Amino acid sequence: MWKDKIKQKDFETLLEGKEKVQYKVGEIIFNIDKNYKITEKIGKGAYGQVVKAIDTQETDPELTNCAIKKINGIFENELTAKFCLRELKILRLLEHKNVSYYFILDCWN
């Protein structure tokens, strides 16, 4: 089961000292870890943009594809921050095969 695979991951190694690269998708610049390659734009909303990416270092084929969401100005407006926090709480509660795990790649860029 995919949840067992996720629990085995060492999340500290996912976040430590990785090289960043920039991708420009439309007018939005994504600063992401070097091991992710953006393949297409999925959508754009009032609070940000979502792209499909491939984790080139992932060995499990079920976990290779991922979505990356960049939220613009998350800390500039209290209401935006509340909406984003609510979304993360909902994702945490979802028990769906398409939602495996999430983590914050970069809060400040």
PDB file of N, CA and C in Angstrom:
ATOM      1  N   MET A   1       0.848  -1.188   0.000  1.00  0.00           N
ATOM      2  CA  MET A   1       0.000   0.000   0.000  1.00  0.00           C
ATOM      3  C   MET A   1       0.892   1.248   0.000  1.00  0.00           C
ATOM      4  N   TRP A   2       0.454   2.299  -0.667  1.00  0.00           N
ATOM      5  CA  TRP A   2       1.267   3.498  -0.803  1.00  0.00           C
ATOM      6  C   TRP A   2       1.545   4.175   0.522  1.00  0.00           C
ATOM      7  N   LYS A   3       0.624   4.099   1.496  1.00  0.00           N
ATOM      8  CA  LYS A   3       0.864   4.755   2.782  1.00  0.00           C
ATOM      9  C   LYS A   3       2.034   4.131   3.516  1.00  0.00           C
ATOM     10  N   ASP A   4       2.202   2.815   3.401  1.00  0.00           N
ATOM     11  CA  ASP A   4       3.339   2.149   4.038  1.00  0.00           C
ATOM     12  C   ASP A   4       4.649   2.641   3.441  1.00  0.00           C
ATOM     13  N   LYS A   5       4.663   2.880   2.135  1.00  0.00           N
ATOM     14  CA  LYS A   5       5.872   3.367   1.469  1.00  0.00           C
ATOM     15  C   LYS A   5       6.223   4.772   1.947  1.00  0.00           C
ATOM     16  N   ILE A   6       5.199   5.597   2.140  1.00  0.00           N
ATOM     17  CA  ILE A   6       5.431   6.970   2.576  1.00  0.00           C
ATOM     18  C   ILE A   6       5.974   6.991   3.996  1.00  0.00           C
ATOM     19  N   LYS A   7       5.450   6.183   4.872  1.00  0.00           N
ATOM     20  CA  LYS A   7       5.891   6.176   6.261  1.00  0.00           C
ATOM     21  C   LYS A   7       7.351   5.781   6.375  1.00  0.00           C
ATOM     22  N   GLN A   8       7.866   5.042   5.411  1.00  0.00           N
ATOM     23  CA  GLN A   8       9.255   4.610   5.461  1.00  0.00           C
ATOM     24  C   GLN A   8      10.216   5.712   5.037  1.00  0.00           C
ATOM     25  N   LYS A   9       9.716   6.755   4.423  1.00  0.00           N
ATOM     26  CA  LYS A   9      10.584   7.831   3.954  1.00  0.00           C
ATOM     27  C   LYS A   9      11.172   8.613   5.124  1.00  0.00           C
ATOM     28  N   ASP A  10      12.398   9.032   4.956  1.00  0.00           N
ATOM     29  CA  ASP A  10      13.048   9.882   5.941  1.00  0.00           C
ATOM     30  C   ASP A  10      12.890  11.323   5.456  1.00  0.00           C
ATOM     31  N   PHE A  11      11.935  12.053   6.025  1.00  0.00           N
ATOM     32  CA  PHE A  11      11.622  13.390   5.534  1.00  0.00           C
ATOM     33  C   PHE A  11      12.743  14.388   5.798  1.00  0.00           C
ATOM     34  N   GLU A  12      13.592  14.113   6.776  1.00  0.00           N
ATOM     35  CA  GLU A  12      14.720  15.007   7.006  1.00  0.00           C
ATOM     36  C   GLU A  12      15.624  15.058   5.776  1.00  0.00           C
ATOM     37  N   THR A  13      15.848  13.925   5.131  1.00  0.00           N
ATOM     38  CA  THR A  13      16.716  13.910   3.957  1.00  0.00           C
ATOM     39  C   THR A  13      16.052  14.599   2.771  1.00  0.00           C
ATOM     40  N   LEU A  14      14.730  14.667   2.758  1.00  0.00           N
ATOM     41  CA  LEU A  14      14.038  15.368   1.679  1.00  0.00           C
ATOM     42  C   LEU A  14      14.250  16.875   1.758  1.00  0.00           C
ATOM     43  N   LEU A  15      14.461  17.397   2.951  1.00  0.00           N
ATOM     44  CA  LEU A  15      14.511  18.839   3.128  1.00  0.00           C
ATOM     45  C   LEU A  15      15.917  19.406   3.295  1.00  0.00           C
ATOM     46  N   GLU A  16      16.900  18.568   3.563  1.00  0.00           N
ATOM     47  CA  GLU A  16      18.254  19.047   3.842  1.00  0.00           C
ATOM     48  C   GLU A  16      19.013  19.447   2.583  1.00  0.00           C
ATOM     49  N   GLY A  17      19.711  20.564   2.650  1.00  0.00           N
ATOM     50  CA  GLY A  17      20.684  21.059   1.717  1.00  0.00           C
ATOM     51  C   GLY A  17      20.588  20.645   0.260  1.00  0.00           C
ATOM     52  N   LYS A  18      19.458  20.823  -0.357  1.00  0.00           N
ATOM     53  CA  LYS A  18      19.338  20.463  -1.765  1.00  0.00           C
ATOM     54  C   LYS A  18      19.564  21.695  -2.624  1.00  0.00           C
ATOM     55  N   GLU A  19      20.105  21.451  -3.791  1.00  0.00           N
ATOM     56  CA  GLU A  19      20.299  22.517  -4.764  1.00  0.00           C
ATOM     57  C   GLU A  19      18.953  22.926  -5.340  1.00  0.00           C
ATOM     58  N   LYS A  20      18.782  24.208  -5.556  1.00  0.00           N
ATOM     59  CA  LYS A  20      17.530  24.727  -6.114  1.00  0.00           C
ATOM     60  C   LYS A  20      17.724  25.097  -7.590  1.00  0.00           C
ATOM     61  N   VAL A  21      16.648  24.975  -8.354  1.00  0.00           N
ATOM     62  CA  VAL A  21      16.624  25.433  -9.735  1.00  0.00           C
ATOM     63  C   VAL A  21      15.376  26.280  -9.928  1.00  0.00           C
ATOM     64  N   GLN A  22      15.402  27.112 -10.952  1.00  0.00           N
ATOM     65  CA  GLN A  22      14.251  27.955 -11.252  1.00  0.00           C
ATOM     66  C   GLN A  22      13.582  27.489 -12.527  1.00  0.00           C
ATOM     67  N   TYR A  23      12.255  27.409 -12.469  1.00  0.00           N
ATOM     68  CA  TYR A  23      11.434  27.156 -13.651  1.00  0.00           C
ATOM     69  C   TYR A  23      10.451  28.304 -13.771  1.00  0.00           C
ATOM     70  N   LYS A  24      10.296  28.805 -14.980  1.00  0.00           N
ATOM     71  CA  LYS A  24       9.296  29.840 -15.218  1.00  0.00           C
ATOM     72  C   LYS A  24       8.130  29.195 -15.948  1.00  0.00           C
ATOM     73  N   VAL A  25       6.973  29.248 -15.319  1.00  0.00           N
ATOM     74  CA  VAL A  25       5.751  28.685 -15.896  1.00  0.00           C
ATOM     75  C   VAL A  25       4.768  29.842 -16.024  1.00  0.00           C
ATOM     76  N   GLY A  26       4.531  30.262 -17.257  1.00  0.00           N
ATOM     77  CA  GLY A  26       3.728  31.472 -17.452  1.00  0.00           C
ATOM     78  C   GLY A  26       4.506  32.654 -16.902  1.00  0.00           C
ATOM     79  N   GLU A  27       3.883  33.384 -15.974  1.00  0.00           N
ATOM     80  CA  GLU A  27       4.542  34.529 -15.341  1.00  0.00           C
ATOM     81  C   GLU A  27       5.086  34.182 -13.960  1.00  0.00           C
ATOM     82  N   ILE A  28       4.899  32.953 -13.523  1.00  0.00           N
ATOM     83  CA  ILE A  28       5.282  32.540 -12.176  1.00  0.00           C
ATOM     84  C   ILE A  28       6.626  31.814 -12.204  1.00  0.00           C
ATOM     85  N   ILE A  29       7.504  32.154 -11.267  1.00  0.00           N
ATOM     86  CA  ILE A  29       8.803  31.492 -11.145  1.00  0.00           C
ATOM     87  C   ILE A  29       8.749  30.540  -9.952  1.00  0.00           C
ATOM     88  N   PHE A  30       9.076  29.284 -10.209  1.00  0.00           N
ATOM     89  CA  PHE A  30       9.144  28.256  -9.174  1.00  0.00           C
ATOM     90  C   PHE A  30      10.606  28.034  -8.815  1.00  0.00           C
ATOM     91  N   ASN A  31      10.958  28.151  -7.541  1.00  0.00           N
ATOM     92  CA  ASN A  31      12.281  27.806  -7.033  1.00  0.00           C
ATOM     93  C   ASN A  31      12.123  26.465  -6.330  1.00  0.00           C
ATOM     94  N   ILE A  32      12.562  25.400  -6.971  1.00  0.00           N
ATOM     95  CA  ILE A  32      12.333  24.069  -6.430  1.00  0.00           C
ATOM     96  C   ILE A  32      13.624  23.273  -6.387  1.00  0.00           C
ATOM     97  N   ASP A  33      13.597  22.173  -5.649  1.00  0.00           N
ATOM     98  CA  ASP A  33      14.767  21.301  -5.556  1.00  0.00           C
ATOM     99  C   ASP A  33      15.147  20.776  -6.936  1.00  0.00           C
ATOM    100  N   LYS A  34      16.431  20.568  -7.131  1.00  0.00           N
ATOM    101  CA  LYS A  34      16.971  20.158  -8.427  1.00  0.00           C
ATOM    102  C   LYS A  34      16.421  18.809  -8.906  1.00  0.00           C
ATOM    103  N   ASN A  35      16.018  17.954  -7.976  1.00  0.00           N
ATOM    104  CA  ASN A  35      15.546  16.624  -8.371  1.00  0.00           C
ATOM    105  C   ASN A  35      14.119  16.629  -8.931  1.00  0.00           C
ATOM    106  N   TYR A  36      13.431  17.771  -8.901  1.00  0.00           N
ATOM    107  CA  TYR A  36      12.104  17.859  -9.498  1.00  0.00           C
ATOM    108  C   TYR A  36      12.191  18.487 -10.884  1.00  0.00           C
ATOM    109  N   LYS A  37      11.444  17.947 -11.826  1.00  0.00           N
ATOM    110  CA  LYS A  37      11.389  18.497 -13.174  1.00  0.00           C
ATOM    111  C   LYS A  37       9.925  18.780 -13.496  1.00  0.00           C
ATOM    112  N   ILE A  38       9.611  20.038 -13.729  1.00  0.00           N
ATOM    113  CA  ILE A  38       8.233  20.425 -14.045  1.00  0.00           C
ATOM    114  C   ILE A  38       7.919  20.000 -15.471  1.00  0.00           C
ATOM    115  N   THR A  39       6.791  19.299 -15.623  1.00  0.00           N
ATOM    116  CA  THR A  39       6.419  18.783 -16.937  1.00  0.00           C
ATOM    117  C   THR A  39       5.259  19.541 -17.572  1.00  0.00           C
ATOM    118  N   GLU A  40       4.335  20.047 -16.749  1.00  0.00           N
ATOM    119  CA  GLU A  40       3.212  20.804 -17.318  1.00  0.00           C
ATOM    120  C   GLU A  40       2.494  21.615 -16.260  1.00  0.00           C
ATOM    121  N   LYS A  41       1.793  22.630 -16.718  1.00  0.00           N
ATOM    122  CA  LYS A  41       0.958  23.446 -15.843  1.00  0.00           C
ATOM    123  C   LYS A  41      -0.377  22.733 -15.675  1.00  0.00           C
ATOM    124  N   ILE A  42      -0.808  22.570 -14.430  1.00  0.00           N
ATOM    125  CA  ILE A  42      -2.089  21.914 -14.176  1.00  0.00           C
ATOM    126  C   ILE A  42      -3.211  22.940 -14.051  1.00  0.00           C
ATOM    127  N   GLY A  43      -2.951  24.001 -13.320  1.00  0.00           N
ATOM    128  CA  GLY A  43      -3.999  25.001 -13.145  1.00  0.00           C
ATOM    129  C   GLY A  43      -3.512  26.226 -12.411  1.00  0.00           C
ATOM    130  N   LYS A  44      -4.367  27.241 -12.415  1.00  0.00           N
ATOM    131  CA  LYS A  44      -4.064  28.495 -11.751  1.00  0.00           C
ATOM    132  C   LYS A  44      -5.334  28.980 -11.087  1.00  0.00           C
ATOM    133  N   GLY A  45      -5.182  29.457  -9.866  1.00  0.00           N
ATOM    134  CA  GLY A  45      -6.337  29.963  -9.140  1.00  0.00           C
ATOM    135  C   GLY A  45      -6.048  31.322  -8.549  1.00  0.00           C
ATOM    136  N   ALA A  46      -6.923  31.761  -7.663  1.00  0.00           N
ATOM    137  CA  ALA A  46      -6.785  33.076  -7.054  1.00  0.00           C
ATOM    138  C   ALA A  46      -5.561  33.169  -6.159  1.00  0.00           C
ATOM    139  N   TYR A  47      -5.127  32.045  -5.589  1.00  0.00           N
ATOM    140  CA  TYR A  47      -4.038  32.087  -4.617  1.00  0.00           C
ATOM    141  C   TYR A  47      -2.729  31.512  -5.120  1.00  0.00           C
ATOM    142  N   GLY A  48      -2.705  30.912  -6.274  1.00  0.00           N
ATOM    143  CA  GLY A  48      -1.447  30.362  -6.741  1.00  0.00           C
ATOM    144  C   GLY A  48      -1.597  29.529  -7.993  1.00  0.00           C
ATOM    145  N   GLN A  49      -0.543  28.813  -8.300  1.00  0.00           N
ATOM    146  CA  GLN A  49      -0.476  28.004  -9.510  1.00  0.00           C
ATOM    147  C   GLN A  49      -0.001  26.602  -9.154  1.00  0.00           C
ATOM    148  N   VAL A  50      -0.540  25.596  -9.849  1.00  0.00           N
ATOM    149  CA  VAL A  50      -0.169  24.204  -9.617  1.00  0.00           C
ATOM    150  C   VAL A  50       0.437  23.638 -10.892  1.00  0.00           C
ATOM    151  N   VAL A  51       1.568  22.925 -10.726  1.00  0.00           N
ATOM    152  CA  VAL A  51       2.238  22.284 -11.851  1.00  0.00           C
ATOM    153  C   VAL A  51       2.440  20.808 -11.547  1.00  0.00           C
ATOM    154  N   LYS A  52       2.529  20.023 -12.606  1.00  0.00           N
ATOM    155  CA  LYS A  52       2.866  18.611 -12.478  1.00  0.00           C
ATOM    156  C   LYS A  52       4.373  18.501 -12.590  1.00  0.00           C
ATOM    157  N   ALA A  53       4.962  17.655 -11.747  1.00  0.00           N
ATOM    158  CA  ALA A  53       6.411  17.483 -11.764  1.00  0.00           C
ATOM    159  C   ALA A  53       6.751  16.007 -11.591  1.00  0.00           C
ATOM    160  N   ILE A  54       7.984  15.697 -11.918  1.00  0.00           N
ATOM    161  CA  ILE A  54       8.510  14.340 -11.749  1.00  0.00           C
ATOM    162  C   ILE A  54       9.684  14.428 -10.781  1.00  0.00           C
ATOM    163  N   ASP A  55       9.682  13.544  -9.795  1.00  0.00           N
ATOM    164  CA  ASP A  55      10.815  13.440  -8.875  1.00  0.00           C
ATOM    165  C   ASP A  55      11.821  12.486  -9.503  1.00  0.00           C
ATOM    166  N   THR A  56      12.902  13.018 -10.002  1.00  0.00           N
ATOM    167  CA  THR A  56      13.874  12.202 -10.742  1.00  0.00           C
ATOM    168  C   THR A  56      14.696  11.285  -9.841  1.00  0.00           C
ATOM    169  N   GLN A  57      14.687  11.524  -8.536  1.00  0.00           N
ATOM    170  CA  GLN A  57      15.447  10.683  -7.619  1.00  0.00           C
ATOM    171  C   GLN A  57      14.596   9.602  -6.960  1.00  0.00           C
ATOM    172  N   GLU A  58      13.296   9.636  -7.170  1.00  0.00           N
ATOM    173  CA  GLU A  58      12.405   8.649  -6.559  1.00  0.00           C
ATOM    174  C   GLU A  58      12.531   7.323  -7.294  1.00  0.00           C
ATOM    175  N   THR A  59      12.689   6.244  -6.538  1.00  0.00           N
ATOM    176  CA  THR A  59      12.851   4.927  -7.144  1.00  0.00           C
ATOM    177  C   THR A  59      11.540   4.170  -7.292  1.00  0.00           C
ATOM    178  N   ASP A  60      10.534   4.523  -6.495  1.00  0.00           N
ATOM    179  CA  ASP A  60       9.234   3.855  -6.566  1.00  0.00           C
ATOM    180  C   ASP A  60       8.385   4.512  -7.650  1.00  0.00           C
ATOM    181  N   PRO A  61       7.985   3.780  -8.699  1.00  0.00           N
ATOM    182  CA  PRO A  61       7.207   4.384  -9.791  1.00  0.00           C
ATOM    183  C   PRO A  61       5.874   4.985  -9.349  1.00  0.00           C
ATOM    184  N   GLU A  62       5.297   4.471  -8.260  1.00  0.00           N
ATOM    185  CA  GLU A  62       4.021   5.008  -7.771  1.00  0.00           C
ATOM    186  C   GLU A  62       4.179   6.400  -7.164  1.00  0.00           C
ATOM    187  N   LEU A  63       5.389   6.768  -6.777  1.00  0.00           N
ATOM    188  CA  LEU A  63       5.617   8.045  -6.108  1.00  0.00           C
ATOM    189  C   LEU A  63       6.388   9.038  -6.962  1.00  0.00           C
ATOM    190  N   THR A  64       6.628   8.719  -8.218  1.00  0.00           N
ATOM    191  CA  THR A  64       7.431   9.580  -9.090  1.00  0.00           C
ATOM    192  C   THR A  64       6.709  10.876  -9.454  1.00  0.00           C
ATOM    193  N   ASN A  65       5.447  10.798  -9.827  1.00  0.00           N
ATOM    194  CA  ASN A  65       4.685  11.990 -10.209  1.00  0.00           C
ATOM    195  C   ASN A  65       4.217  12.746  -8.974  1.00  0.00           C
ATOM    196  N   CYS A  66       4.254  14.071  -9.067  1.00  0.00           N
ATOM    197  CA  CYS A  66       3.773  14.882  -7.953  1.00  0.00           C
ATOM    198  C   CYS A  66       3.232  16.205  -8.480  1.00  0.00           C
ATOM    199  N   ALA A  67       2.548  16.905  -7.622  1.00  0.00           N
ATOM    200  CA  ALA A  67       2.056  18.242  -7.932  1.00  0.00           C
ATOM    201  C   ALA A  67       2.741  19.221  -6.993  1.00  0.00           C
ATOM    202  N   ILE A  68       3.113  20.370  -7.530  1.00  0.00           N
ATOM    203  CA  ILE A  68       3.740  21.416  -6.733  1.00  0.00           C
ATOM    204  C   ILE A  68       2.868  22.657  -6.860  1.00  0.00           C
ATOM    205  N   LYS A  69       2.502  23.201  -5.723  1.00  0.00           N
ATOM    206  CA  LYS A  69       1.666  24.403  -5.719  1.00  0.00           C
ATOM    207  C   LYS A  69       2.470  25.563  -5.152  1.00  0.00           C
ATOM    208  N   LYS A  70       2.503  26.656  -5.896  1.00  0.00           N
ATOM    209  CA  LYS A  70       3.141  27.877  -5.416  1.00  0.00           C
ATOM    210  C   LYS A  70       2.041  28.875  -5.092  1.00  0.00           C
ATOM    211  N   ILE A  71       2.063  29.325  -3.858  1.00  0.00           N
ATOM    212  CA  ILE A  71       1.067  30.285  -3.397  1.00  0.00           C
ATOM    213  C   ILE A  71       1.754  31.638  -3.276  1.00  0.00           C
ATOM    214  N   ASN A  72       1.216  32.619  -3.956  1.00  0.00           N
ATOM    215  CA  ASN A  72       1.823  33.942  -3.970  1.00  0.00           C
ATOM    216  C   ASN A  72       1.427  34.739  -2.738  1.00  0.00           C
ATOM    217  N   GLY A  73       2.407  35.356  -2.089  1.00  0.00           N
ATOM    218  CA  GLY A  73       2.149  36.268  -0.978  1.00  0.00           C
ATOM    219  C   GLY A  73       1.377  35.653   0.171  1.00  0.00           C
ATOM    220  N   ILE A  74       1.715  34.443   0.546  1.00  0.00           N
ATOM    221  CA  ILE A  74       0.943  33.732   1.565  1.00  0.00           C
ATOM    222  C   ILE A  74       0.921  34.469   2.903  1.00  0.00           C
ATOM    223  N   PHE A  75       1.988  35.180   3.254  1.00  0.00           N
ATOM    224  CA  PHE A  75       2.041  35.852   4.545  1.00  0.00           C
ATOM    225  C   PHE A  75       1.737  37.349   4.449  1.00  0.00           C
ATOM    226  N   GLU A  76       1.359  37.826   3.283  1.00  0.00           N
ATOM    227  CA  GLU A  76       1.056  39.242   3.122  1.00  0.00           C
ATOM    228  C   GLU A  76      -0.377  39.569   3.532  1.00  0.00           C
ATOM    229  N   ASN A  77      -1.231  38.562   3.538  1.00  0.00           N
ATOM    230  CA  ASN A  77      -2.636  38.785   3.833  1.00  0.00           C
ATOM    231  C   ASN A  77      -3.102  37.690   4.791  1.00  0.00           C
ATOM    232  N   GLU A  78      -3.705  38.086   5.896  1.00  0.00           N
ATOM    233  CA  GLU A  78      -4.140  37.120   6.905  1.00  0.00           C
ATOM    234  C   GLU A  78      -5.166  36.138   6.347  1.00  0.00           C
ATOM    235  N   LEU A  79      -6.073  36.617   5.501  1.00  0.00           N
ATOM    236  CA  LEU A  79      -7.104  35.755   4.932  1.00  0.00           C
ATOM    237  C   LEU A  79      -6.494  34.678   4.027  1.00  0.00           C
ATOM    238  N   THR A  80      -5.515  35.047   3.216  1.00  0.00           N
ATOM    239  CA  THR A  80      -4.831  34.075   2.357  1.00  0.00           C
ATOM    240  C   THR A  80      -4.136  33.006   3.199  1.00  0.00           C
ATOM    241  N   ALA A  81      -3.478  33.423   4.252  1.00  0.00           N
ATOM    242  CA  ALA A  81      -2.802  32.472   5.136  1.00  0.00           C
ATOM    243  C   ALA A  81      -3.803  31.502   5.759  1.00  0.00           C
ATOM    244  N   LYS A  82      -4.972  31.988   6.152  1.00  0.00           N
ATOM    245  CA  LYS A  82      -6.002  31.116   6.740  1.00  0.00           C
ATOM    246  C   LYS A  82      -6.518  30.106   5.724  1.00  0.00           C
ATOM    247  N   PHE A  83      -6.741  30.546   4.488  1.00  0.00           N
ATOM    248  CA  PHE A  83      -7.207  29.630   3.435  1.00  0.00           C
ATOM    249  C   PHE A  83      -6.179  28.528   3.177  1.00  0.00           C
ATOM    250  N   CYS A  84      -4.916  28.910   3.136  1.00  0.00           N
ATOM    251  CA  CYS A  84      -3.858  27.930   2.876  1.00  0.00           C
ATOM    252  C   CYS A  84      -3.727  26.945   4.033  1.00  0.00           C
ATOM    253  N   LEU A  85      -3.830  27.432   5.250  1.00  0.00           N
ATOM    254  CA  LEU A  85      -3.780  26.552   6.411  1.00  0.00           C
ATOM    255  C   LEU A  85      -4.949  25.574   6.395  1.00  0.00           C
ATOM    256  N   ARG A  86      -6.129  26.054   6.029  1.00  0.00           N
ATOM    257  CA  ARG A  86      -7.303  25.184   5.932  1.00  0.00           C
ATOM    258  C   ARG A  86      -7.094  24.099   4.873  1.00  0.00           C
ATOM    259  N   GLU A  87      -6.529  24.482   3.748  1.00  0.00           N
ATOM    260  CA  GLU A  87      -6.266  23.506   2.684  1.00  0.00           C
ATOM    261  C   GLU A  87      -5.301  22.418   3.156  1.00  0.00           C
ATOM    262  N   LEU A  88      -4.233  22.809   3.861  1.00  0.00           N
ATOM    263  CA  LEU A  88      -3.280  21.828   4.381  1.00  0.00           C
ATOM    264  C   LEU A  88      -3.924  20.894   5.398  1.00  0.00           C
ATOM    265  N   LYS A  89      -4.798  21.433   6.228  1.00  0.00           N
ATOM    266  CA  LYS A  89      -5.499  20.592   7.208  1.00  0.00           C
ATOM    267  C   LYS A  89      -6.399  19.575   6.512  1.00  0.00           C
ATOM    268  N   ILE A  90      -7.074  20.002   5.464  1.00  0.00           N
ATOM    269  CA  ILE A  90      -7.941  19.085   4.712  1.00  0.00           C
ATOM    270  C   ILE A  90      -7.110  18.001   4.031  1.00  0.00           C
ATOM    271  N   LEU A  91      -5.995  18.382   3.414  1.00  0.00           N
ATOM    272  CA  LEU A  91      -5.112  17.392   2.777  1.00  0.00           C
ATOM    273  C   LEU A  91      -4.624  16.352   3.779  1.00  0.00           C
ATOM    274  N   ARG A  92      -4.329  16.806   4.989  1.00  0.00           N
ATOM    275  CA  ARG A  92      -3.854  15.897   6.030  1.00  0.00           C
ATOM    276  C   ARG A  92      -4.917  14.852   6.383  1.00  0.00           C
ATOM    277  N   LEU A  93      -6.175  15.228   6.301  1.00  0.00           N
ATOM    278  CA  LEU A  93      -7.267  14.330   6.678  1.00  0.00           C
ATOM    279  C   LEU A  93      -7.727  13.409   5.547  1.00  0.00           C
ATOM    280  N   LEU A  94      -7.371  13.746   4.310  1.00  0.00           N
ATOM    281  CA  LEU A  94      -7.848  12.950   3.178  1.00  0.00           C
ATOM    282  C   LEU A  94      -7.252  11.548   3.173  1.00  0.00           C
ATOM    283  N   GLU A  95      -8.076  10.601   2.914  1.00  0.00           N
ATOM    284  CA  GLU A  95      -7.649   9.207   2.754  1.00  0.00           C
ATOM    285  C   GLU A  95      -7.960   8.823   1.311  1.00  0.00           C
ATOM    286  N   HIS A  96      -7.128   9.259   0.390  1.00  0.00           N
ATOM    287  CA  HIS A  96      -7.377   9.031  -1.031  1.00  0.00           C
ATOM    288  C   HIS A  96      -6.096   8.557  -1.695  1.00  0.00           C
ATOM    289  N   LYS A  97      -6.235   7.685  -2.673  1.00  0.00           N
ATOM    290  CA  LYS A  97      -5.049   7.133  -3.335  1.00  0.00           C
ATOM    291  C   LYS A  97      -4.222   8.185  -4.061  1.00  0.00           C
ATOM    292  N   ASN A  98      -4.823   9.314  -4.435  1.00  0.00           N
ATOM    293  CA  ASN A  98      -4.090  10.353  -5.152  1.00  0.00           C
ATOM    294  C   ASN A  98      -3.416  11.369  -4.236  1.00  0.00           C
ATOM    295  N   VAL A  99      -3.666  11.284  -2.952  1.00  0.00           N
ATOM    296  CA  VAL A  99      -2.996  12.167  -1.999  1.00  0.00           C
ATOM    297  C   VAL A  99      -2.133  11.292  -1.116  1.00  0.00           C
ATOM    298  N   SER A 100      -0.841  11.313  -1.385  1.00  0.00           N
ATOM    299  CA  SER A 100       0.049  10.433  -0.622  1.00  0.00           C
ATOM    300  C   SER A 100       0.722  11.192   0.518  1.00  0.00           C
ATOM    301  N   TYR A 101       1.367  12.281   0.234  1.00  0.00           N
ATOM    302  CA  TYR A 101       1.976  13.088   1.283  1.00  0.00           C
ATOM    303  C   TYR A 101       2.191  14.490   0.741  1.00  0.00           C
ATOM    304  N   TYR A 102       2.477  15.397   1.645  1.00  0.00           N
ATOM    305  CA  TYR A 102       2.774  16.760   1.241  1.00  0.00           C
ATOM    306  C   TYR A 102       3.806  17.315   2.201  1.00  0.00           C
ATOM    307  N   PHE A 103       4.580  18.256   1.727  1.00  0.00           N
ATOM    308  CA  PHE A 103       5.482  19.003   2.589  1.00  0.00           C
ATOM    309  C   PHE A 103       5.780  20.324   1.914  1.00  0.00           C
ATOM    310  N   ILE A 104       6.248  21.249   2.693  1.00  0.00           N
ATOM    311  CA  ILE A 104       6.517  22.596   2.196  1.00  0.00           C
ATOM    312  C   ILE A 104       7.955  22.642   1.690  1.00  0.00           C
ATOM    313  N   LEU A 105       8.114  22.985   0.427  1.00  0.00           N
ATOM    314  CA  LEU A 105       9.444  23.047  -0.161  1.00  0.00           C
ATOM    315  C   LEU A 105      10.152  24.359   0.158  1.00  0.00           C
ATOM    316  N   ASP A 106       9.425  25.445   0.122  1.00  0.00           N
ATOM    317  CA  ASP A 106      10.060  26.742   0.317  1.00  0.00           C
ATOM    318  C   ASP A 106       8.986  27.753   0.675  1.00  0.00           C
ATOM    319  N   CYS A 107       9.034  28.279   1.860  1.00  0.00           N
ATOM    320  CA  CYS A 107       8.014  29.238   2.311  1.00  0.00           C
ATOM    321  C   CYS A 107       8.292  30.665   1.871  1.00  0.00           C
ATOM    322  N   TRP A 108       9.500  30.953   1.543  1.00  0.00           N
ATOM    323  CA  TRP A 108       9.886  32.366   1.416  1.00  0.00           C
ATOM    324  C   TRP A 108      10.075  32.831  -0.015  1.00  0.00           C
ATOM    325  N   ASN A 109      10.070  31.931  -1.001  1.00  0.00           N
ATOM    326  CA  ASN A 109      10.283  32.359  -2.398  1.00  0.00           C
ATOM    327  C   ASN A 109       9.081  32.081  -3.240  1.00  0.00           C
TER     328      ASN A 109
END
